[in-house]
Amino acid sequence: MGIPKIATLILGIFRFPFVTEPLKIKKTGIDLKIPTGILHGNNDKIVKPTEWVKPPRSQEKGSFFDIASTEKNIYFSTSNKEKKLIANHNESVTNTTYYGDGFMKNFGGAKDGQNAYNCQYIWPAVIAVVMDHVQANKLQDHNGFELADFKVLDEPT
């Protein structure tokens, strides 16, 4: 993770589970044998998109290849700065309007207004899989997953 060491220490003191017991795809991926879709922000500063497909300075393939399923896909959302949508770690999953500007600069998130990534990216994917029975690795083929304000790429840029 790209969280600064001092922040990791502080978060560890408060026993945040994502710091004290982080999810490790290398460990859990061997049990993922169902259709799998990973949705990730292309501008994520905490978990770099390249960690999934080609970690920096490494000969490894990346965490995506630690998932056992042969039916898997990864979707990298792009930013749309005109609409103030930055495809980063907190934007798609967290209401961060109550955090200060310094936190937002370092960790990202939807500081002002609606979180469009939840409305246009995460929830349409969940609805497609749960309600429309679309395989998570085939979201790009589903017409309910057409994104108005940003694009989704197959590889990080």
Protein backbone atom coordinates (compact mmCIF):
# COMPACT_ATOMS: atom_id res chain seq x y z
CA MET A 1 0.00 0.00 0.00
CA GLY A 2 1.10 3.54 -0.61
CA ILE A 3 0.06 4.85 2.81
CA PRO A 4 2.91 6.84 4.40
CA LYS A 5 4.66 4.99 7.26
CA ILE A 6 3.62 7.58 9.87
CA ALA A 7 -0.02 7.19 8.85
CA THR A 8 0.28 3.39 9.00
CA LEU A 9 1.69 3.63 12.53
CA ILE A 10 -1.11 5.93 13.68
CA LEU A 11 -3.82 3.83 12.02
CA GLY A 12 -2.28 0.71 13.59
CA ILE A 13 -2.54 2.24 17.06
CA PHE A 14 -6.27 2.67 16.48
CA ARG A 15 -6.44 -0.93 15.20
CA PHE A 16 -7.80 -0.16 11.73
CA PRO A 17 -8.28 -3.66 10.23
CA PHE A 18 -6.96 -2.69 6.78
CA VAL A 19 -3.64 -1.92 8.50
CA THR A 20 -3.52 -4.60 11.19
CA GLU A 21 -4.97 -7.41 9.03
CA PRO A 22 -4.61 -6.31 5.40
CA LEU A 23 -6.26 -8.29 2.64
CA LYS A 24 -3.54 -10.00 0.64
CA ILE A 25 -4.61 -11.19 -2.80
CA LYS A 26 -1.61 -13.54 -2.94
CA LYS A 27 -3.19 -15.38 0.02
CA THR A 28 -6.93 -15.09 -0.76
CA GLY A 29 -6.73 -15.21 -4.56
CA ILE A 30 -6.08 -18.94 -4.64
CA ASP A 31 -9.64 -19.49 -3.38
CA LEU A 32 -11.26 -17.14 -5.93
CA LYS A 33 -12.42 -19.62 -8.54
CA ILE A 34 -15.60 -17.83 -9.59
CA PRO A 35 -15.99 -15.12 -12.24
CA THR A 36 -14.18 -12.11 -10.79
CA GLY A 37 -14.12 -8.42 -11.66
CA ILE A 38 -11.76 -5.89 -10.09
CA LEU A 39 -12.77 -2.20 -10.32
CA HIS A 40 -9.86 0.15 -9.68
CA GLY A 41 -9.16 3.87 -10.06
CA ASN A 42 -6.40 4.66 -12.53
CA ASN A 43 -5.10 7.53 -10.35
CA ASP A 44 -5.09 5.63 -7.05
CA LYS A 45 -2.17 6.87 -4.90
CA ILE A 46 -2.61 4.30 -2.12
CA VAL A 47 -2.84 1.06 -4.09
CA LYS A 48 -1.14 1.77 -7.39
CA PRO A 49 -2.97 0.32 -10.42
CA THR A 50 0.30 -1.26 -11.55
CA GLU A 51 0.24 -3.44 -8.41
CA TRP A 52 -2.48 -5.45 -10.16
CA VAL A 53 -0.77 -6.05 -13.48
CA LYS A 54 2.93 -5.22 -13.25
CA PRO A 55 4.44 -4.00 -9.98
CA PRO A 56 7.21 -1.42 -10.28
CA ARG A 57 10.78 -2.76 -10.26
CA SER A 58 9.61 -6.36 -10.21
CA GLN A 59 9.62 -9.40 -12.45
CA GLU A 60 6.24 -10.51 -11.07
CA LYS A 61 3.06 -10.32 -13.10
CA GLY A 62 1.04 -8.56 -10.38
CA SER A 63 -1.74 -9.38 -7.94
CA PHE A 64 -4.35 -9.87 -10.66
CA PHE A 65 -2.54 -13.04 -11.69
CA ASP A 66 -2.73 -14.38 -8.11
CA ILE A 67 -6.49 -14.82 -8.57
CA ALA A 68 -7.14 -18.48 -9.42
CA SER A 69 -10.22 -17.91 -11.56
CA THR A 70 -9.76 -18.22 -15.30
CA GLU A 71 -12.83 -15.99 -15.72
CA LYS A 72 -11.51 -12.66 -14.46
CA ASN A 73 -11.16 -9.11 -15.67
CA ILE A 74 -9.92 -5.82 -14.30
CA TYR A 75 -11.39 -2.41 -15.06
CA PHE A 76 -9.38 0.80 -14.51
CA SER A 77 -11.53 3.93 -14.32
CA THR A 78 -10.07 7.16 -15.66
CA SER A 79 -10.32 10.62 -14.14
CA ASN A 80 -12.47 13.43 -15.49
CA LYS A 81 -10.98 16.61 -14.06
CA GLU A 82 -13.62 18.81 -15.71
CA LYS A 83 -16.25 17.14 -13.50
CA LYS A 84 -13.84 16.91 -10.54
CA LEU A 85 -13.81 13.11 -10.68
CA ILE A 86 -10.40 11.76 -9.77
CA ALA A 87 -10.16 7.98 -10.10
CA ASN A 88 -8.39 7.29 -6.86
CA HIS A 89 -8.66 5.07 -3.80
CA ASN A 90 -11.36 6.81 -1.77
CA GLU A 91 -13.40 8.31 -4.59
CA SER A 92 -15.27 5.14 -5.42
CA VAL A 93 -16.04 3.74 -2.00
CA THR A 94 -16.04 6.41 0.67
CA ASN A 95 -17.90 9.61 1.52
CA THR A 96 -14.95 11.78 2.46
CA THR A 97 -16.65 15.18 2.61
CA TYR A 98 -15.83 15.56 6.32
CA TYR A 99 -12.04 15.10 5.93
CA GLY A 100 -9.70 18.09 5.76
CA ASP A 101 -8.02 19.37 2.61
CA GLY A 102 -4.58 18.00 3.63
CA PHE A 103 -5.98 14.49 3.98
CA MET A 104 -7.75 14.76 0.65
CA LYS A 105 -4.61 15.92 -1.14
CA ASN A 106 -2.68 12.85 0.07
CA PHE A 107 -5.36 10.16 0.07
CA GLY A 108 -7.96 11.37 -2.41
CA GLY A 109 -11.73 11.15 -2.32
CA ALA A 110 -14.95 12.98 -3.08
CA LYS A 111 -14.49 16.12 -1.02
CA ASP A 112 -17.36 18.13 -2.49
CA GLY A 113 -20.63 17.04 -4.03
CA GLN A 114 -21.94 13.64 -5.00
CA ASN A 115 -19.62 10.73 -5.35
CA ALA A 116 -20.22 9.94 -9.02
CA TYR A 117 -17.91 6.94 -8.97
CA ASN A 118 -20.27 5.18 -6.58
CA CYS A 119 -23.33 6.09 -8.68
CA GLN A 120 -21.80 5.48 -12.11
CA TYR A 121 -19.14 2.81 -11.55
CA ILE A 122 -19.43 0.70 -8.40
CA TRP A 123 -23.21 0.39 -8.08
CA PRO A 124 -23.92 -0.30 -11.78
CA ALA A 125 -21.34 -3.09 -11.60
CA VAL A 126 -22.90 -4.56 -8.45
CA ILE A 127 -26.43 -4.29 -9.91
CA ALA A 128 -25.29 -5.91 -13.17
CA VAL A 129 -23.79 -8.87 -11.29
CA VAL A 130 -26.49 -9.32 -8.64
CA MET A 131 -29.69 -8.29 -10.42
CA ASP A 132 -28.92 -8.89 -14.10
CA HIS A 133 -26.76 -12.01 -13.54
CA VAL A 134 -23.85 -10.63 -15.58
CA GLN A 135 -20.55 -12.35 -14.88
CA ALA A 136 -18.20 -9.93 -13.10
CA ASN A 137 -15.56 -10.53 -15.76
CA LYS A 138 -17.96 -9.50 -18.55
CA LEU A 139 -19.18 -6.11 -17.31
CA GLN A 140 -17.85 -4.34 -20.42
CA ASP A 141 -20.42 -6.30 -22.49
CA HIS A 142 -23.38 -5.15 -20.37
CA ASN A 143 -25.27 -2.04 -21.55
CA GLY A 144 -25.98 -1.01 -17.93
CA PHE A 145 -22.27 -0.43 -17.43
CA GLU A 146 -21.95 2.45 -19.90
CA LEU A 147 -20.21 5.28 -18.10
CA ALA A 148 -21.15 8.86 -18.93
CA ASP A 149 -18.47 10.90 -17.16
CA PHE A 150 -15.32 8.78 -17.45
CA LYS A 151 -13.86 5.80 -19.29
CA VAL A 152 -12.75 2.38 -18.22
CA LEU A 153 -9.52 0.91 -19.56
CA ASP A 154 -8.19 -2.62 -19.67
CA GLU A 155 -4.74 -1.49 -18.52
CA PRO A 156 -3.53 1.32 -16.25
CA THR A 157 -1.91 4.29 -17.93
